[in-house]
Protein backbone atom coordinates (compact mmCIF):
# COMPACT_ATOMS: atom_id res chain seq x y z
CA UNK A 1 95.02 66.86 181.03
CA UNK A 2 93.16 68.31 184.00
CA UNK A 3 91.58 70.99 181.80
CA UNK A 4 90.39 68.41 179.27
CA UNK A 5 88.94 66.27 182.06
CA UNK A 6 87.13 69.30 183.48
CA UNK A 7 85.59 70.19 180.12
CA UNK A 8 84.62 66.55 179.58
CA UNK A 9 82.85 66.37 182.95
CA UNK A 10 81.23 69.78 182.46
CA UNK A 11 79.67 68.78 179.14
CA UNK A 12 78.56 65.47 180.62
CA UNK A 13 76.92 67.19 183.61
CA UNK A 14 75.32 69.95 181.54
CA UNK A 15 74.14 68.11 178.44
CA UNK A 16 74.58 64.46 179.32
CA UNK A 17 76.97 64.02 176.39
CA UNK A 18 80.50 62.68 176.50
CA UNK A 19 83.00 64.38 174.23
CA UNK A 20 84.74 61.33 172.77
CA UNK A 21 87.55 63.31 171.12
CA UNK A 22 88.46 64.78 174.51
CA UNK A 23 88.25 61.38 176.17
CA UNK A 24 90.61 59.97 173.54
CA UNK A 25 92.99 62.91 173.98
CA UNK A 26 93.05 62.33 177.75
CA UNK A 27 93.83 58.65 177.14
CA UNK A 28 96.63 59.44 174.71
CA UNK A 29 98.13 62.02 177.07
CA UNK A 30 97.95 59.49 179.90
CA UNK A 31 99.71 56.96 177.66
CA UNK A 32 102.56 59.45 177.26
CA UNK A 33 103.27 59.45 181.00
CA UNK A 34 105.42 56.27 180.99
CA UNK A 35 107.46 57.71 178.12
CA UNK A 36 108.61 60.53 180.40
CA UNK A 37 111.17 58.25 182.01
CA UNK A 38 112.85 57.22 178.77
CA UNK A 39 112.45 60.14 176.36
CA UNK A 40 113.66 63.70 176.19
CA UNK A 41 111.58 66.61 177.37
CA UNK A 42 111.51 68.00 173.85
CA UNK A 43 110.12 64.77 172.38
CA UNK A 44 107.49 64.45 175.11
CA UNK A 45 106.45 68.09 174.70
CA UNK A 46 106.18 67.67 170.93
CA UNK A 47 104.01 64.57 171.36
CA UNK A 48 101.71 66.34 173.83
CA UNK A 49 101.49 69.34 171.52
CA UNK A 50 100.60 67.08 168.59
CA UNK A 51 97.74 65.57 170.60
CA UNK A 52 96.40 69.00 171.58
CA UNK A 53 96.75 70.43 168.08
CA UNK A 54 94.93 67.39 166.73
CA UNK A 55 92.12 67.94 169.22
CA UNK A 56 91.91 71.63 168.33
CA UNK A 57 91.82 70.75 164.64
CA UNK A 58 89.04 68.24 165.23
CA UNK A 59 87.04 70.83 167.19
CA UNK A 60 87.51 73.39 164.43
CA UNK A 61 86.38 70.86 161.84
CA UNK A 62 83.28 69.96 163.88
CA UNK A 63 82.32 73.57 164.55
CA UNK A 64 82.24 74.54 160.89
CA UNK A 65 78.81 72.95 160.43
CA UNK A 66 77.38 74.45 163.62
CA UNK A 67 76.28 70.98 164.63
CA UNK A 68 76.97 71.74 168.28
CA UNK A 69 74.08 74.25 168.33
CA UNK A 70 71.68 71.69 166.88
CA UNK A 71 72.78 69.05 169.40
CA UNK A 72 72.41 71.46 172.32
CA UNK A 73 68.95 72.50 171.15
CA UNK A 74 67.87 68.86 170.73
CA UNK A 75 69.09 67.94 174.20
CA UNK A 76 67.38 71.00 175.72
CA UNK A 77 64.12 70.16 173.95
CA UNK A 78 64.35 66.57 175.15
CA UNK A 79 64.76 67.72 178.74
CA UNK A 80 61.96 70.26 178.42
CA UNK A 81 64.17 73.27 179.06
């Protein structure tokens, strides 16, 4: 969760964009915290893994069109960099 938050803040500071899939993943992982008291470690680990695999799959899907390069170039042009 700390890694995802760091990446989220880094992209926000660098490009001024919030990665909504990462923000949602952080929220879902935070929602799993109360389940730690009543569920098994295996179930909790599987749920966390499912969230992270879903995020990785979403990133892979988004990167296939190379849209991230176009967005970065547009933001850089807007800032005059």
